[in-house]
Amino acid sequence: MISTPLTKILFIDIETVGLTPDFDTLEKFHPDLAYQFESYLDWFEKRFPEHKGQGASEMFYNKAALVAEFLKIVCVSVGFVDPKGDIKMQSFYGDDEKKLLEDTQNLLKRIGKLDFHLCGHNVKGFDIPVLAKRMVINGLLPPPILPNHDTKPWEIKALDTKELWQFGSFASIASLELMCIGMGVESSKTMEVTGNKVHEAYWKEQKLEQIKDYCEKDVEVLINVVSKFYGLK
């Protein structure tokens, strides 16, 4: 069902937070970005109707971490399965986004030359474009393994578990947590820090280590989910 060998897949997950702790800080230090955020408030409200009418401050706090131009990456975790079946994991994390992106860039250059494919949940819709955009914003050239504007869909070297679980029906529900429950795989949602708490955990509670642990757990979950597909008969 999956043509790429398991040992040639680099599983990846990123954790993001709003570029600043709050919208007031964004206005103070990045006024042009703050203006743009307010101009896109209607777009945010249409995409996240549960936050409609809350205003720029609340919207930024809750959803800025989902849009590349208004976020920063605080952790990139990767993992792979070696020929012996052992899982190897590595994380780049910290306050210096450019430094962790440089480390990620170097790794992705190496694994691209080794003919690896990337794998993540909604990796084509979020992780890959966010990584590429944040690299460009930080003055870094995205490595060749990341698709660009003229990469054909069948040339993208990425396995997206969201697409895998949708089986061609892009209207179907395909959250990673639901996928895990359906396949009997322990998810990462029981941890202290989870996706919707990362912004607060980083800016208010300085829980960078816990964010890294959560990111690595997501990579482990991806490996366990995809491994089950290789065991189908």
Protein backbone atom coordinates (compact mmCIF):
# COMPACT_ATOMS: atom_id res chain seq x y z
CA MET A 1 0.00 0.00 0.00
CA ILE A 2 2.97 2.30 0.69
CA SER A 3 5.67 1.95 -1.95
CA THR A 4 8.44 3.77 -0.06
CA PRO A 5 10.45 1.48 2.25
CA LEU A 6 9.86 2.24 5.94
CA THR A 7 13.60 2.77 6.42
CA LYS A 8 13.55 5.52 3.78
CA ILE A 9 10.99 7.72 5.53
CA LEU A 10 11.85 10.68 7.75
CA PHE A 11 8.92 11.30 10.07
CA ILE A 12 8.59 14.96 10.99
CA ASP A 13 6.51 17.26 13.18
CA ILE A 14 6.82 20.93 14.06
CA GLU A 15 5.50 23.01 16.95
CA THR A 16 4.66 26.65 16.40
CA VAL A 17 3.62 29.64 18.51
CA GLY A 18 2.51 33.16 17.73
CA LEU A 19 5.45 35.36 16.71
CA THR A 20 4.98 37.39 19.91
CA PRO A 21 3.26 36.66 23.23
CA ASP A 22 0.23 38.78 22.29
CA PHE A 23 -1.15 41.18 19.71
CA ASP A 24 -0.09 44.29 21.63
CA THR A 25 3.53 43.14 21.47
CA LEU A 26 3.15 42.45 17.76
CA GLU A 27 1.87 46.01 17.25
CA LYS A 28 4.83 47.40 19.20
CA PHE A 29 7.65 45.47 17.53
CA HIS A 30 6.12 44.45 14.18
CA PRO A 31 3.56 47.16 13.30
CA ASP A 32 3.40 46.21 9.61
CA LEU A 33 2.60 42.60 10.50
CA ALA A 34 0.00 43.74 13.03
CA TYR A 35 -1.67 45.83 10.34
CA GLN A 36 -1.72 42.83 8.03
CA PHE A 37 -3.15 40.60 10.74
CA GLU A 38 -6.02 43.01 11.33
CA SER A 39 -6.65 43.26 7.58
CA TYR A 40 -6.99 39.47 7.46
CA LEU A 41 -9.29 39.26 10.48
CA ASP A 42 -12.29 38.45 8.25
CA TRP A 43 -10.34 35.56 6.76
CA PHE A 44 -9.51 34.24 10.23
CA GLU A 45 -13.15 34.53 11.30
CA LYS A 46 -14.35 32.58 8.25
CA ARG A 47 -11.77 29.86 8.82
CA PHE A 48 -12.30 29.73 12.59
CA PRO A 49 -15.95 30.75 13.09
CA GLU A 50 -15.85 29.63 16.72
CA HIS A 51 -13.70 32.73 17.39
CA LYS A 52 -15.80 35.16 15.35
CA GLY A 53 -16.28 38.55 17.00
CA GLN A 54 -13.44 38.14 19.49
CA GLY A 55 -11.25 40.78 17.90
CA ALA A 56 -7.62 40.83 16.81
CA SER A 57 -6.12 40.24 20.27
CA GLU A 58 -8.05 37.06 21.00
CA MET A 59 -7.70 35.78 17.46
CA PHE A 60 -3.95 36.32 17.48
CA TYR A 61 -3.56 34.54 20.81
CA ASN A 62 -5.59 31.55 19.68
CA LYS A 63 -4.75 31.17 15.99
CA ALA A 64 -1.61 33.09 14.96
CA ALA A 65 0.42 29.90 15.40
CA LEU A 66 -1.41 28.36 12.43
CA VAL A 67 -0.37 30.94 9.80
CA ALA A 68 3.27 31.03 8.70
CA GLU A 69 3.59 34.80 8.44
CA PHE A 70 2.42 35.36 12.03
CA LEU A 71 4.17 32.51 13.83
CA LYS A 72 7.56 31.21 14.75
CA ILE A 73 8.73 27.62 14.95
CA VAL A 74 10.01 26.56 18.37
CA CYS A 75 10.58 22.86 17.73
CA VAL A 76 11.23 20.50 14.83
CA SER A 77 11.33 16.80 15.71
CA VAL A 78 12.29 14.04 13.29
CA GLY A 79 12.57 10.29 13.52
CA PHE A 80 13.27 7.26 11.37
CA VAL A 81 13.31 3.49 11.65
CA ASP A 82 16.71 1.89 11.08
CA PRO A 83 17.19 -1.49 9.35
CA LYS A 84 17.13 -3.22 12.75
CA GLY A 85 13.69 -1.76 13.47
CA ASP A 86 14.91 0.69 16.11
CA ILE A 87 13.50 4.23 16.21
CA LYS A 88 16.04 7.06 16.08
CA MET A 89 14.84 10.52 17.13
CA GLN A 90 16.28 14.03 17.00
CA SER A 91 14.87 17.45 17.87
CA PHE A 92 15.91 21.00 17.08
CA TYR A 93 14.29 23.44 19.48
CA GLY A 94 14.81 26.71 21.26
CA ASP A 95 14.11 30.43 21.21
CA ASP A 96 16.37 31.12 18.22
CA GLU A 97 14.18 30.18 15.26
CA LYS A 98 16.88 30.84 12.67
CA LYS A 99 19.34 28.51 14.41
CA LEU A 100 16.89 25.61 14.63
CA LEU A 101 15.89 26.18 11.00
CA GLU A 102 19.55 26.10 9.95
CA ASP A 103 19.94 22.76 11.72
CA THR A 104 16.76 21.49 10.06
CA GLN A 105 17.93 22.77 6.67
CA ASN A 106 21.21 20.87 6.98
CA LEU A 107 19.45 17.65 7.99
CA LEU A 108 16.92 17.90 5.15
CA LYS A 109 19.74 18.46 2.66
CA ARG A 110 21.43 15.26 3.85
CA ILE A 111 18.35 13.05 3.84
CA GLY A 112 17.28 14.41 0.45
CA LYS A 113 20.54 13.14 -1.04
CA LEU A 114 19.80 9.73 0.51
CA ASP A 115 16.46 9.55 -1.32
CA PHE A 116 14.31 9.80 1.81
CA HIS A 117 10.65 10.83 1.81
CA LEU A 118 9.13 13.03 4.50
CA CYS A 119 6.09 11.90 6.46
CA GLY A 120 3.73 13.81 8.72
CA HIS A 121 0.06 14.42 9.41
CA ASN A 122 -1.13 17.21 7.12
CA VAL A 123 2.55 17.64 6.31
CA LYS A 124 1.73 18.93 2.82
CA GLY A 125 -0.83 21.42 4.10
CA PHE A 126 1.08 22.72 7.12
CA ASP A 127 4.54 21.48 8.14
CA ILE A 128 6.19 21.65 4.72
CA PRO A 129 4.89 25.10 3.63
CA VAL A 130 5.47 26.55 7.10
CA LEU A 131 9.05 25.26 7.18
CA ALA A 132 9.72 26.61 3.69
CA LYS A 133 8.17 30.02 4.38
CA ARG A 134 9.92 30.47 7.73
CA MET A 135 13.25 29.53 6.12
CA VAL A 136 12.76 32.18 3.44
CA ILE A 137 11.67 34.75 6.05
CA ASN A 138 14.87 33.97 7.98
CA GLY A 139 17.04 34.30 4.88
CA LEU A 140 17.53 30.57 4.32
CA LEU A 141 17.13 28.60 1.10
CA PRO A 142 14.65 25.73 1.49
CA PRO A 143 16.40 22.42 0.71
CA PRO A 144 15.47 20.54 -2.50
CA ILE A 145 13.39 17.92 -0.66
CA LEU A 146 10.81 20.63 0.09
CA PRO A 147 8.53 21.24 -2.92
CA ASN A 148 8.46 24.61 -4.64
CA HIS A 149 6.09 26.38 -7.00
CA ASP A 150 6.84 24.19 -10.00
CA THR A 151 7.05 20.79 -8.26
CA LYS A 152 4.43 18.49 -9.79
CA PRO A 153 2.11 16.76 -7.28
CA TRP A 154 3.52 13.32 -8.07
CA GLU A 155 7.07 14.62 -7.57
CA ILE A 156 6.49 15.69 -3.94
CA LYS A 157 8.59 13.40 -1.77
CA ALA A 158 6.17 13.30 1.13
CA LEU A 159 3.74 10.81 2.60
CA ASP A 160 0.84 12.62 4.26
CA THR A 161 -0.98 10.44 6.80
CA LYS A 162 -4.02 12.69 6.52
CA GLU A 163 -4.31 11.84 2.81
CA LEU A 164 -3.50 8.22 3.57
CA TRP A 165 -6.43 7.99 6.00
CA GLN A 166 -8.83 9.80 3.69
CA PHE A 167 -8.45 7.15 0.97
CA GLY A 168 -9.22 9.70 -1.74
CA SER A 169 -12.23 11.23 0.02
CA PHE A 170 -11.04 14.71 0.93
CA ALA A 171 -14.34 15.49 2.68
CA SER A 172 -13.84 12.76 5.27
CA ILE A 173 -12.68 13.32 8.85
CA ALA A 174 -8.98 12.56 9.23
CA SER A 175 -7.56 13.96 12.45
CA LEU A 176 -4.47 12.19 13.76
CA GLU A 177 -6.14 11.52 17.10
CA LEU A 178 -9.18 9.89 15.47
CA MET A 179 -6.88 7.91 13.19
CA CYS A 180 -4.98 6.65 16.24
CA ILE A 181 -8.16 5.63 18.04
CA GLY A 182 -9.43 3.80 14.98
CA MET A 183 -6.16 1.92 14.53
CA GLY A 184 -5.54 1.22 18.21
CA VAL A 185 -2.47 3.43 18.52
CA GLU A 186 -1.81 5.54 21.63
CA SER A 187 -2.01 9.23 20.69
CA SER A 188 -0.09 12.18 22.09
CA LYS A 189 -3.18 14.00 23.34
CA THR A 190 -2.83 12.70 26.91
CA MET A 191 0.38 14.67 27.49
CA GLU A 192 0.63 17.79 29.64
CA VAL A 193 1.25 20.06 26.65
CA THR A 194 -0.78 19.48 23.50
CA GLY A 195 -1.31 21.42 20.27
CA ASN A 196 -3.76 24.07 21.41
CA LYS A 197 -1.71 24.77 24.57
CA VAL A 198 1.69 25.26 22.96
CA HIS A 199 1.48 29.06 22.60
CA GLU A 200 0.67 29.53 26.29
CA ALA A 201 3.15 26.85 27.37
CA TYR A 202 5.92 28.65 25.51
CA TRP A 203 5.23 32.33 26.16
CA LYS A 204 3.70 32.19 29.65
CA GLU A 205 5.08 29.04 31.25
CA GLN A 206 8.48 28.59 29.53
CA LYS A 207 7.80 24.87 29.05
CA LEU A 208 10.08 24.40 26.07
CA GLU A 209 11.21 20.93 27.19
CA GLN A 210 7.60 19.77 27.50
CA ILE A 211 6.86 21.16 24.04
CA LYS A 212 9.81 19.18 22.68
CA ASP A 213 8.55 16.03 24.42
CA TYR A 214 5.10 16.52 22.87
CA CYS A 215 6.61 17.06 19.42
CA GLU A 216 8.69 13.89 19.72
CA LYS A 217 5.64 11.97 20.90
CA ASP A 218 3.80 13.04 17.76
CA VAL A 219 6.69 11.70 15.66
CA GLU A 220 6.56 8.42 17.57
CA VAL A 221 2.80 8.24 16.96
CA LEU A 222 3.34 8.80 13.23
CA ILE A 223 5.86 5.97 13.11
CA ASN A 224 3.50 3.62 14.95
CA VAL A 225 0.57 4.50 12.68
CA VAL A 226 2.50 4.11 9.43
CA SER A 227 4.17 0.90 10.64
CA LYS A 228 0.71 -0.66 10.95
CA PHE A 229 0.12 -0.12 7.23
CA TYR A 230 3.24 -2.12 6.43
CA GLY A 231 1.84 -4.99 8.50
CA LEU A 232 -1.45 -5.27 6.59
CA LYS A 233 -2.07 -8.58 4.82
